N, C-alpha and C. Protein backbone atom coordinates (compact mmCIF):
# COMPACT_ATOMS: atom_id res chain seq x y z
N MET A 1 244.28 92.49 -99.15
CA MET A 1 244.68 93.25 -100.35
C MET A 1 243.76 92.60 -101.42
N THR A 2 243.21 93.79 -102.45
CA THR A 2 242.28 92.92 -103.71
C THR A 2 242.89 93.43 -105.09
N VAL A 3 243.23 92.45 -105.43
CA VAL A 3 243.67 93.01 -107.09
C VAL A 3 242.72 93.14 -108.11
N THR A 4 242.60 94.34 -108.81
CA THR A 4 241.56 94.61 -109.83
C THR A 4 242.50 94.37 -111.30
N SER A 5 241.62 94.25 -112.51
CA SER A 5 242.00 93.83 -113.66
C SER A 5 241.79 95.12 -114.43
N VAL A 6 240.74 96.05 -114.15
CA VAL A 6 240.53 97.03 -114.87
C VAL A 6 241.54 97.70 -115.84
N ARG A 7 242.77 98.01 -115.14
CA ARG A 7 243.70 98.89 -116.07
C ARG A 7 244.27 97.84 -116.84
N LYS A 8 244.82 96.54 -116.66
CA LYS A 8 245.16 95.89 -117.34
C LYS A 8 244.17 95.49 -118.55
N LEU A 9 242.90 95.27 -118.25
CA LEU A 9 242.18 94.80 -119.56
C LEU A 9 242.15 95.90 -120.26
N ALA A 10 242.14 97.15 -119.88
CA ALA A 10 242.11 98.33 -120.64
C ALA A 10 243.18 98.77 -121.61
N GLU A 11 244.31 98.19 -121.12
CA GLU A 11 245.65 98.03 -121.88
C GLU A 11 245.77 97.07 -122.79
N ILE A 12 245.19 95.85 -122.67
CA ILE A 12 245.20 94.83 -123.65
C ILE A 12 244.17 94.95 -124.81
N ALA A 13 242.94 95.43 -124.26
CA ALA A 13 241.72 96.00 -125.13
C ALA A 13 242.46 97.15 -126.19
N LYS A 14 242.91 98.23 -125.42
CA LYS A 14 243.57 99.55 -126.25
C LYS A 14 244.69 98.80 -127.52
N SER A 15 245.82 97.77 -126.67
CA SER A 15 246.60 97.39 -127.98
C SER A 15 246.11 97.01 -128.86
N ILE A 16 244.81 95.85 -128.69
CA ILE A 16 244.14 94.97 -129.77
C ILE A 16 243.58 96.05 -130.71
N GLY A 17 242.78 96.97 -130.21
CA GLY A 17 242.45 98.17 -131.03
C GLY A 17 243.31 99.09 -131.87
N GLN A 18 244.42 98.83 -131.51
CA GLN A 18 245.26 99.70 -132.29
C GLN A 18 246.36 98.75 -133.10
N GLY A 19 245.87 97.69 -133.36
CA GLY A 19 246.29 96.61 -134.52
C GLY A 19 247.32 95.47 -133.68
N ALA A 20 247.66 95.55 -132.45
CA ALA A 20 248.97 94.71 -132.08
C ALA A 20 248.33 93.56 -132.00
N ASP A 21 249.38 92.55 -132.06
CA ASP A 21 248.80 91.00 -131.99
C ASP A 21 248.14 90.76 -130.70
N PRO A 22 247.00 90.28 -130.73
CA PRO A 22 246.37 90.23 -129.67
C PRO A 22 246.85 88.78 -128.53
N ARG A 23 247.43 87.82 -129.40
CA ARG A 23 248.44 86.82 -128.63
C ARG A 23 249.46 87.24 -127.74
N GLN A 24 250.22 87.96 -128.45
CA GLN A 24 251.60 88.87 -127.95
C GLN A 24 251.02 89.83 -126.87
N THR A 25 250.00 89.87 -126.77
CA THR A 25 249.46 91.52 -125.99
C THR A 25 248.99 90.92 -124.81
N ILE A 26 248.20 89.59 -124.72
CA ILE A 26 248.51 88.74 -123.58
C ILE A 26 249.29 88.59 -123.00
N ILE A 27 250.38 87.82 -123.57
CA ILE A 27 251.47 87.33 -123.15
C ILE A 27 252.55 88.51 -122.48
N ASP A 28 252.39 89.82 -123.06
CA ASP A 28 253.07 90.74 -122.77
C ASP A 28 252.55 90.99 -121.38
N SER A 29 251.25 91.37 -121.16
CA SER A 29 250.62 92.04 -120.07
C SER A 29 250.57 91.15 -118.98
N ILE A 30 251.09 89.57 -118.83
CA ILE A 30 251.32 88.87 -117.69
C ILE A 30 252.67 88.69 -117.69
N GLY A 31 253.36 88.50 -118.82
CA GLY A 31 255.17 88.59 -118.83
C GLY A 31 255.51 86.91 -119.06
N GLN A 32 256.56 86.97 -120.01
CA GLN A 32 256.50 85.54 -120.51
C GLN A 32 257.43 84.85 -119.32
N LYS A 33 258.29 85.74 -118.64
CA LYS A 33 258.87 84.84 -117.19
C LYS A 33 257.67 84.15 -116.18
N GLU A 34 256.89 84.98 -116.04
CA GLU A 34 255.62 84.71 -115.23
C GLU A 34 254.89 83.00 -115.66
N ILE A 35 254.63 83.60 -116.88
CA ILE A 35 254.09 81.90 -117.83
C ILE A 35 254.93 81.20 -117.72
N ASP A 36 256.33 81.09 -117.95
CA ASP A 36 257.33 80.22 -117.81
C ASP A 36 257.35 79.33 -116.49
N ASP A 37 257.13 80.22 -115.47
CA ASP A 37 257.12 79.96 -113.99
C ASP A 37 256.22 78.92 -113.47
N TYR A 38 255.25 79.08 -114.10
CA TYR A 38 253.79 78.53 -113.70
C TYR A 38 253.84 77.38 -114.73
N GLU A 39 253.53 76.05 -113.62
CA GLU A 39 253.01 74.97 -114.17
C GLU A 39 251.75 74.42 -113.68
N PRO A 40 251.03 74.36 -114.58
CA PRO A 40 249.69 74.00 -114.68
C PRO A 40 249.56 72.02 -114.17
N ALA A 41 248.66 71.91 -113.22
CA ALA A 41 248.71 70.42 -112.74
C ALA A 41 247.86 69.32 -113.83
N ALA A 42 248.37 68.18 -114.01
CA ALA A 42 247.45 67.19 -114.65
C ALA A 42 246.70 67.68 -115.78
N ASN A 43 245.64 67.64 -116.01
CA ASN A 43 244.94 68.20 -117.19
C ASN A 43 244.69 69.32 -117.36
N LEU A 44 245.02 70.39 -116.64
CA LEU A 44 244.70 71.74 -116.53
C LEU A 44 245.27 72.89 -117.72
N ILE A 45 244.57 73.88 -117.92
CA ILE A 45 244.99 74.47 -118.95
C ILE A 45 245.12 76.32 -118.38
N LEU A 46 246.61 76.31 -118.60
CA LEU A 46 246.09 78.07 -118.41
C LEU A 46 245.85 78.89 -119.51
N ILE A 47 244.84 79.81 -119.12
CA ILE A 47 244.15 80.74 -120.10
C ILE A 47 244.27 81.99 -119.72
N GLY A 48 245.08 82.89 -120.83
CA GLY A 48 244.99 84.44 -120.86
C GLY A 48 243.47 84.99 -121.03
N THR A 49 243.10 85.69 -120.36
CA THR A 49 241.47 86.31 -120.70
C THR A 49 241.77 87.41 -121.86
N TYR A 50 240.65 86.97 -122.86
CA TYR A 50 240.72 87.94 -123.90
C TYR A 50 239.83 88.97 -123.54
N ALA A 51 240.24 90.37 -123.81
CA ALA A 51 239.58 91.44 -123.84
C ALA A 51 239.45 92.17 -125.07
N ARG A 52 238.05 92.34 -125.26
CA ARG A 52 237.93 93.05 -126.84
C ARG A 52 238.20 94.28 -126.94
N SER A 53 238.50 95.08 -128.24
CA SER A 53 238.98 96.60 -127.88
C SER A 53 237.42 97.15 -128.07
N ASP A 54 237.58 98.41 -127.37
CA ASP A 54 236.41 99.53 -127.40
C ASP A 54 236.00 99.87 -128.86
N VAL A 55 236.59 99.76 -129.92
CA VAL A 55 236.08 100.20 -130.95
C VAL A 55 236.36 98.71 -131.88
N THR A 56 235.18 98.67 -132.68
CA THR A 56 235.11 97.76 -133.98
C THR A 56 236.27 98.16 -134.80
N LYS A 57 236.49 97.08 -136.04
CA LYS A 57 237.11 97.41 -136.95
C LYS A 57 236.52 98.45 -137.90
N SER A 58 235.23 98.51 -137.92
CA SER A 58 234.01 99.15 -138.63
C SER A 58 234.00 100.33 -137.76
N GLY A 59 234.56 100.92 -137.15
CA GLY A 59 234.34 102.11 -136.19
C GLY A 59 233.51 102.13 -135.03
N LEU A 60 232.79 100.97 -134.61
CA LEU A 60 231.93 100.84 -133.55
C LEU A 60 232.29 101.07 -132.30
N PHE A 61 231.69 102.03 -131.74
CA PHE A 61 232.28 102.01 -129.97
C PHE A 61 231.57 101.00 -129.29
N LEU A 62 232.29 100.06 -128.47
CA LEU A 62 231.49 99.01 -127.47
C LEU A 62 231.45 99.52 -126.18
N GLY A 63 232.45 100.57 -125.79
CA GLY A 63 232.08 100.91 -124.42
C GLY A 63 233.14 100.51 -123.46
N GLY A 64 234.08 101.18 -122.93
CA GLY A 64 235.04 101.22 -121.96
C GLY A 64 235.13 100.08 -121.08
N ASP A 65 235.02 100.47 -119.80
CA ASP A 65 235.36 99.56 -118.31
C ASP A 65 234.15 98.59 -118.55
N ARG A 66 233.01 99.39 -118.46
CA ARG A 66 232.05 98.13 -118.42
C ARG A 66 231.96 96.82 -119.27
N THR A 67 232.31 97.05 -120.48
CA THR A 67 232.54 96.35 -121.40
C THR A 67 233.91 95.23 -121.05
N ARG A 68 234.82 95.72 -120.78
CA ARG A 68 235.95 95.14 -120.08
C ARG A 68 235.53 94.19 -118.95
N GLN A 69 234.90 94.61 -117.91
CA GLN A 69 234.51 93.82 -117.12
C GLN A 69 233.53 92.61 -117.39
N GLU A 70 232.71 92.96 -118.19
CA GLU A 70 232.00 92.01 -118.99
C GLU A 70 232.84 90.79 -119.14
N ASP A 71 233.76 91.16 -120.42
CA ASP A 71 234.63 90.26 -120.96
C ASP A 71 235.37 89.16 -120.06
N ARG A 72 235.69 90.16 -118.37
CA ARG A 72 236.38 89.59 -117.49
C ARG A 72 235.17 88.16 -116.67
N PHE A 73 234.43 88.57 -116.48
CA PHE A 73 233.28 87.99 -115.73
C PHE A 73 232.75 86.93 -116.99
N GLN A 74 232.06 87.40 -117.56
CA GLN A 74 231.46 86.53 -118.68
C GLN A 74 232.13 85.92 -119.93
N GLY A 75 233.40 86.62 -120.19
CA GLY A 75 233.99 86.28 -121.46
C GLY A 75 234.12 84.60 -121.76
N LYS A 76 234.22 84.28 -122.83
CA LYS A 76 233.91 82.85 -123.44
C LYS A 76 235.33 82.57 -124.05
N VAL A 77 236.04 83.71 -124.44
CA VAL A 77 237.34 83.23 -125.30
C VAL A 77 238.59 83.23 -124.46
N GLY A 78 239.56 82.74 -124.86
CA GLY A 78 241.18 82.72 -123.91
C GLY A 78 241.87 82.24 -125.17
N LEU A 79 243.08 82.50 -124.60
CA LEU A 79 244.41 82.28 -125.28
C LEU A 79 245.01 81.10 -124.35
N VAL A 80 245.40 79.94 -125.23
CA VAL A 80 245.90 78.95 -124.35
C VAL A 80 247.46 79.41 -124.24
N LEU A 81 248.18 79.50 -122.76
CA LEU A 81 249.33 80.12 -122.40
C LEU A 81 250.00 78.78 -122.20
N LYS A 82 249.93 77.91 -121.40
CA LYS A 82 250.19 77.00 -120.72
C LYS A 82 249.38 75.55 -120.58
N MET A 83 249.80 74.39 -120.69
CA MET A 83 249.15 73.38 -120.47
C MET A 83 249.72 72.05 -119.64
N GLY A 84 249.25 71.23 -118.64
CA GLY A 84 249.62 70.23 -117.80
C GLY A 84 250.17 69.16 -118.67
N PRO A 85 250.82 68.36 -117.82
CA PRO A 85 251.26 67.07 -118.66
C PRO A 85 250.29 66.17 -119.09
N ALA A 86 249.26 65.96 -118.63
CA ALA A 86 248.27 65.15 -119.13
C ALA A 86 247.28 65.74 -120.23
N VAL A 87 247.53 66.79 -120.66
CA VAL A 87 246.66 67.59 -121.59
C VAL A 87 247.38 66.73 -122.92
N ASN A 88 246.29 66.31 -123.79
CA ASN A 88 247.10 65.69 -125.06
C ASN A 88 247.72 64.28 -125.08
N ASN A 89 247.50 63.66 -123.84
CA ASN A 89 248.13 62.73 -123.41
C ASN A 89 247.48 61.45 -124.13
N PRO A 90 248.18 60.43 -125.18
CA PRO A 90 247.17 59.61 -125.77
C PRO A 90 246.64 58.48 -125.22
N SER A 91 246.96 58.62 -123.82
CA SER A 91 246.59 57.31 -123.02
C SER A 91 244.93 58.04 -122.62
N ARG A 92 244.49 59.06 -122.70
CA ARG A 92 243.22 59.70 -122.46
C ARG A 92 242.68 59.91 -123.59
N PRO A 93 241.22 60.31 -123.29
CA PRO A 93 240.35 60.62 -124.60
C PRO A 93 240.89 62.06 -125.07
N MET A 94 240.80 61.93 -126.41
CA MET A 94 241.44 63.37 -127.05
C MET A 94 240.17 64.40 -127.15
N VAL A 95 240.09 65.81 -126.81
CA VAL A 95 239.57 66.74 -126.80
C VAL A 95 239.09 66.84 -128.14
N PHE A 96 239.72 67.23 -128.93
CA PHE A 96 240.11 67.67 -130.49
C PHE A 96 241.00 66.64 -131.21
N ALA A 97 240.29 66.35 -132.91
CA ALA A 97 241.19 65.73 -133.57
C ALA A 97 242.74 65.77 -133.62
N THR A 98 242.89 67.05 -133.43
CA THR A 98 244.47 67.24 -133.58
C THR A 98 244.91 68.11 -132.12
N PRO A 99 245.83 67.79 -131.53
CA PRO A 99 246.02 68.27 -130.24
C PRO A 99 246.09 69.91 -129.77
N LEU A 100 245.43 70.03 -128.99
CA LEU A 100 245.38 71.30 -128.68
C LEU A 100 246.80 72.19 -128.57
N LYS A 101 247.55 73.18 -128.65
CA LYS A 101 248.57 73.82 -128.34
C LYS A 101 248.76 75.32 -127.80
N VAL A 102 249.79 75.46 -127.27
CA VAL A 102 250.04 76.91 -126.95
C VAL A 102 249.83 77.83 -128.09
N GLY A 103 248.91 79.09 -127.70
CA GLY A 103 248.72 80.05 -128.49
C GLY A 103 247.50 79.78 -129.51
N ASP A 104 246.80 78.64 -129.12
CA ASP A 104 245.28 78.22 -129.84
C ASP A 104 244.38 79.12 -128.87
N TRP A 105 243.60 79.62 -129.68
CA TRP A 105 242.25 80.28 -129.44
C TRP A 105 241.26 79.26 -128.61
N ILE A 106 240.32 79.46 -127.75
CA ILE A 106 239.64 78.49 -127.28
C ILE A 106 238.06 78.90 -126.83
N THR A 107 237.36 78.36 -126.58
CA THR A 107 236.08 78.97 -126.16
C THR A 107 235.79 77.93 -124.62
N TYR A 108 235.01 78.51 -123.94
CA TYR A 108 234.51 77.80 -122.54
C TYR A 108 233.41 78.41 -121.79
N ARG A 109 233.05 77.93 -121.24
CA ARG A 109 231.97 78.43 -120.08
C ARG A 109 232.55 79.13 -118.96
N ALA A 110 232.50 80.30 -118.67
CA ALA A 110 233.34 81.25 -117.68
C ALA A 110 233.25 80.71 -116.67
N SER A 111 232.06 79.75 -115.95
CA SER A 111 231.99 79.39 -114.72
C SER A 111 232.62 78.00 -114.51
N ASP A 112 233.08 77.56 -115.52
CA ASP A 112 233.90 76.31 -115.74
C ASP A 112 235.33 76.20 -115.26
N ALA A 113 235.86 77.66 -115.37
CA ALA A 113 237.50 78.07 -115.21
C ALA A 113 237.27 78.91 -113.85
N LEU A 114 238.60 78.81 -113.33
CA LEU A 114 238.99 79.22 -111.97
C LEU A 114 239.58 80.54 -112.42
N GLU A 115 239.26 81.96 -112.38
CA GLU A 115 240.09 83.08 -112.45
C GLU A 115 241.10 83.37 -111.39
N PHE A 116 241.94 83.95 -111.73
CA PHE A 116 242.96 84.55 -110.69
C PHE A 116 243.51 85.60 -111.80
N PHE A 117 244.66 86.37 -110.73
CA PHE A 117 245.19 87.28 -111.61
C PHE A 117 247.05 87.07 -111.43
N PHE A 118 247.58 87.27 -112.66
CA PHE A 118 249.09 87.62 -112.44
C PHE A 118 249.42 89.04 -112.04
N VAL A 119 250.09 88.97 -110.99
CA VAL A 119 249.96 90.64 -110.16
C VAL A 119 251.32 91.27 -111.18
N ASP A 120 251.04 92.63 -110.98
CA ASP A 120 252.00 93.54 -111.83
C ASP A 120 252.93 93.78 -110.54
N PRO A 121 254.23 93.44 -110.68
CA PRO A 121 255.35 93.57 -109.59
C PRO A 121 255.53 94.99 -109.54
N GLU A 122 255.31 95.97 -110.63
CA GLU A 122 255.21 97.25 -110.39
C GLU A 122 254.25 97.95 -109.63
N LYS A 123 253.03 97.00 -109.75
CA LYS A 123 251.73 98.12 -109.34
C LYS A 123 251.05 96.66 -108.51
N PRO A 124 251.34 96.52 -107.54
CA PRO A 124 250.78 95.27 -106.73
C PRO A 124 249.48 95.13 -106.78
N LEU A 125 248.59 96.26 -106.63
CA LEU A 125 246.95 96.13 -106.88
C LEU A 125 246.80 95.98 -108.33
N ASP A 126 247.34 95.77 -108.99
CA ASP A 126 246.82 95.55 -110.45
C ASP A 126 247.21 94.21 -110.82
N GLY A 127 246.66 93.37 -111.70
CA GLY A 127 247.02 92.21 -112.18
C GLY A 127 246.32 92.07 -113.90
N THR A 128 246.74 90.82 -114.35
CA THR A 128 245.90 90.20 -115.67
C THR A 128 245.33 89.24 -115.24
N SER A 129 243.98 89.19 -115.82
CA SER A 129 243.21 87.96 -115.34
C SER A 129 243.41 86.87 -116.22
N ALA A 130 243.59 85.71 -115.66
CA ALA A 130 244.02 84.27 -116.18
C ALA A 130 243.22 83.43 -115.59
N ARG A 131 242.88 82.45 -116.40
CA ARG A 131 242.05 81.30 -115.92
C ARG A 131 242.83 79.71 -115.90
N LEU A 132 242.16 79.16 -115.09
CA LEU A 132 242.51 77.36 -115.11
C LEU A 132 241.26 76.54 -115.61
N ILE A 133 241.60 75.94 -116.58
CA ILE A 133 240.18 74.84 -116.74
C ILE A 133 240.83 73.49 -117.07
N GLU A 134 240.11 72.81 -116.96
CA GLU A 134 240.17 71.24 -117.26
C GLU A 134 240.08 71.32 -118.73
N ASP A 135 240.58 70.23 -119.41
CA ASP A 135 241.07 70.29 -120.90
C ASP A 135 239.50 69.53 -121.52
N GLY A 136 238.88 68.72 -120.59
CA GLY A 136 237.58 68.29 -121.23
C GLY A 136 236.58 69.27 -121.02
N LEU A 137 236.71 70.41 -120.48
CA LEU A 137 235.65 71.31 -120.36
C LEU A 137 235.74 72.59 -121.71
N VAL A 138 236.73 72.60 -122.41
CA VAL A 138 237.09 73.22 -123.42
C VAL A 138 235.91 72.93 -124.47
N MET A 139 235.30 73.80 -125.01
CA MET A 139 234.31 73.75 -125.86
C MET A 139 234.58 74.00 -127.19
N SER A 140 235.57 74.77 -127.76
CA SER A 140 236.02 74.83 -128.99
C SER A 140 237.34 75.54 -129.51
N ARG A 141 237.97 75.13 -130.24
CA ARG A 141 238.96 76.07 -130.74
C ARG A 141 238.62 76.86 -131.94
N ILE A 142 239.27 78.05 -131.88
CA ILE A 142 238.83 79.18 -132.70
C ILE A 142 239.89 80.00 -133.62
N VAL A 143 239.58 80.49 -134.64
CA VAL A 143 240.89 81.37 -135.46
C VAL A 143 240.63 82.60 -134.83
N ASN A 144 239.49 83.05 -134.97
CA ASN A 144 239.48 84.88 -134.72
C ASN A 144 238.65 84.93 -133.38
N PRO A 145 239.24 85.35 -132.40
CA PRO A 145 238.81 85.58 -130.83
C PRO A 145 237.82 86.73 -131.08
N GLU A 146 237.81 87.54 -132.04
CA GLU A 146 236.78 88.73 -132.50
C GLU A 146 235.26 88.11 -132.69
N ALA A 147 235.32 86.83 -133.32
CA ALA A 147 234.27 86.21 -133.69
C ALA A 147 233.17 85.79 -132.76
N ILE A 148 233.76 85.61 -131.38
CA ILE A 148 232.67 85.10 -130.62
C ILE A 148 232.77 86.09 -129.49
N TYR A 149 231.06 86.25 -128.83
CA TYR A 149 231.00 87.04 -127.79
C TYR A 149 230.15 86.38 -126.51
């Protein structure tokens, strides 16, 4: 069985393009219960993959499924959904001056993160892309996910 994310990424991108809160859109696509039931180990961070809207605020069309696939495979921005117990542990070196928290937008190298899918129970061949990454591989924290590609 192969799980694909094209429909889910399209839904995320469309909602964001229509002005929906990107954080809540990603959470809703995965499901809060699924996030709550997921427990990252040690210093791992669960990230929701960010998908850009097809249309920029200035009206520029960025291009459909191909763009979304690029966001999936090469995207550098994600939403912190959950953190393992060793993230922000005072006995370990701090990644940032202030602790990382759920809801932060972060950047990372896509190849440093393990991609997997939260499967849609109503459509078992469809799922929302997520990643796991070690806290020390997070490159930055950002305010606006649209500012980075």
